[in-house]
Amino acid sequence: MLLIQQKLSRRSGRQQKGGERMAVWKCQVCGNIVEARCKPGKCKSCGASKDKLIKEAQPQK
């Protein structure tokens, strides 16, 4: 149970050094969601080009 809570808390507030949050990118073709600092080159799920990946807004804490 504790392990699951730790994973969820890490996912909900992922941060880089310096307090910046990771960006969330969503594929417009398949709906796959990826967390990354920079825009990925292509969707890892369906292979769509990076112009099909859009940055999703993250909720403010």
C-alpha atoms as a PDB file:
ATOM      1  CA  MET A   1       0.000   0.000   0.000  1.00  0.00           C
ATOM      2  CA  LEU A   2       2.775   2.432   0.906  1.00  0.00           C
ATOM      3  CA  LEU A   3       4.586   1.692  -2.366  1.00  0.00           C
ATOM      4  CA  ILE A   4       1.471   2.578  -4.390  1.00  0.00           C
ATOM      5  CA  GLN A   5       1.077   5.867  -2.501  1.00  0.00           C
ATOM      6  CA  GLN A   6       4.722   6.755  -3.170  1.00  0.00           C
ATOM      7  CA  LYS A   7       4.326   6.118  -6.909  1.00  0.00           C
ATOM      8  CA  LEU A   8       1.169   8.223  -7.066  1.00  0.00           C
ATOM      9  CA  SER A   9       2.738  11.111  -5.181  1.00  0.00           C
ATOM     10  CA  ARG A  10       5.762  11.070  -7.499  1.00  0.00           C
ATOM     11  CA  ARG A  11       3.510  11.154 -10.576  1.00  0.00           C
ATOM     12  CA  SER A  12       1.293  13.968  -9.332  1.00  0.00           C
ATOM     13  CA  GLY A  13       4.128  16.399  -8.631  1.00  0.00           C
ATOM     14  CA  ARG A  14       7.090  15.465 -10.771  1.00  0.00           C
ATOM     15  CA  GLN A  15       9.658  18.208 -10.673  1.00  0.00           C
ATOM     16  CA  GLN A  16      13.047  18.862 -12.147  1.00  0.00           C
ATOM     17  CA  LYS A  17      15.952  20.331 -10.263  1.00  0.00           C
ATOM     18  CA  GLY A  18      15.191  23.934  -9.454  1.00  0.00           C
ATOM     19  CA  GLY A  19      11.488  23.264  -8.838  1.00  0.00           C
ATOM     20  CA  GLU A  20      10.273  23.261 -12.453  1.00  0.00           C
ATOM     21  CA  ARG A  21       7.592  20.733 -13.342  1.00  0.00           C
ATOM     22  CA  MET A  22       7.917  18.210 -16.122  1.00  0.00           C
ATOM     23  CA  ALA A  23       5.821  19.043 -19.190  1.00  0.00           C
ATOM     24  CA  VAL A  24       2.936  16.759 -20.142  1.00  0.00           C
ATOM     25  CA  TRP A  25       2.589  16.009 -23.852  1.00  0.00           C
ATOM     26  CA  LYS A  26      -0.507  14.362 -25.389  1.00  0.00           C
ATOM     27  CA  CYS A  27      -0.636  12.703 -28.802  1.00  0.00           C
ATOM     28  CA  GLN A  28      -3.558  13.967 -30.899  1.00  0.00           C
ATOM     29  CA  VAL A  29      -3.629  10.704 -32.860  1.00  0.00           C
ATOM     30  CA  CYS A  30      -3.749   8.008 -30.154  1.00  0.00           C
ATOM     31  CA  GLY A  31      -4.146   9.989 -26.908  1.00  0.00           C
ATOM     32  CA  ASN A  32      -0.917   8.688 -25.361  1.00  0.00           C
ATOM     33  CA  ILE A  33       0.414  10.942 -22.584  1.00  0.00           C
ATOM     34  CA  VAL A  34       4.140  11.430 -21.933  1.00  0.00           C
ATOM     35  CA  GLU A  35       5.948  13.428 -19.235  1.00  0.00           C
ATOM     36  CA  ALA A  36       9.183  14.980 -20.499  1.00  0.00           C
ATOM     37  CA  ARG A  37      11.235  18.174 -20.166  1.00  0.00           C
ATOM     38  CA  CYS A  38      11.344  18.718 -23.931  1.00  0.00           C
ATOM     39  CA  LYS A  39       8.895  17.848 -26.702  1.00  0.00           C
ATOM     40  CA  PRO A  40       9.504  14.232 -27.787  1.00  0.00           C
ATOM     41  CA  GLY A  41      10.549  13.608 -31.401  1.00  0.00           C
ATOM     42  CA  LYS A  42       7.584  11.295 -31.997  1.00  0.00           C
ATOM     43  CA  CYS A  43       4.861   9.444 -30.119  1.00  0.00           C
ATOM     44  CA  LYS A  44       6.285   6.301 -28.530  1.00  0.00           C
ATOM     45  CA  SER A  45       2.930   4.566 -28.793  1.00  0.00           C
ATOM     46  CA  CYS A  46       1.829   5.136 -32.411  1.00  0.00           C
ATOM     47  CA  GLY A  47       4.873   6.813 -34.010  1.00  0.00           C
ATOM     48  CA  ALA A  48       3.074  10.062 -34.925  1.00  0.00           C
ATOM     49  CA  SER A  49       5.384  13.001 -35.681  1.00  0.00           C
ATOM     50  CA  LYS A  50       6.152  15.593 -33.008  1.00  0.00           C
ATOM     51  CA  ASP A  51       3.791  18.146 -34.569  1.00  0.00           C
ATOM     52  CA  LYS A  52       0.928  15.894 -33.399  1.00  0.00           C
ATOM     53  CA  LEU A  53       2.061  16.203 -29.752  1.00  0.00           C
ATOM     54  CA  ILE A  54       0.445  19.039 -27.822  1.00  0.00           C
ATOM     55  CA  LYS A  55       1.418  20.377 -24.422  1.00  0.00           C
ATOM     56  CA  GLU A  56      -1.249  19.816 -21.795  1.00  0.00           C
ATOM     57  CA  ALA A  57      -1.882  22.335 -19.028  1.00  0.00           C
ATOM     58  CA  GLN A  58      -1.066  21.081 -15.534  1.00  0.00           C
ATOM     59  CA  PRO A  59      -3.217  21.942 -12.549  1.00  0.00           C
ATOM     60  CA  GLN A  60      -1.748  24.600 -10.265  1.00  0.00           C
ATOM     61  CA  LYS A  61      -1.065  23.616  -6.653  1.00  0.00           C
END
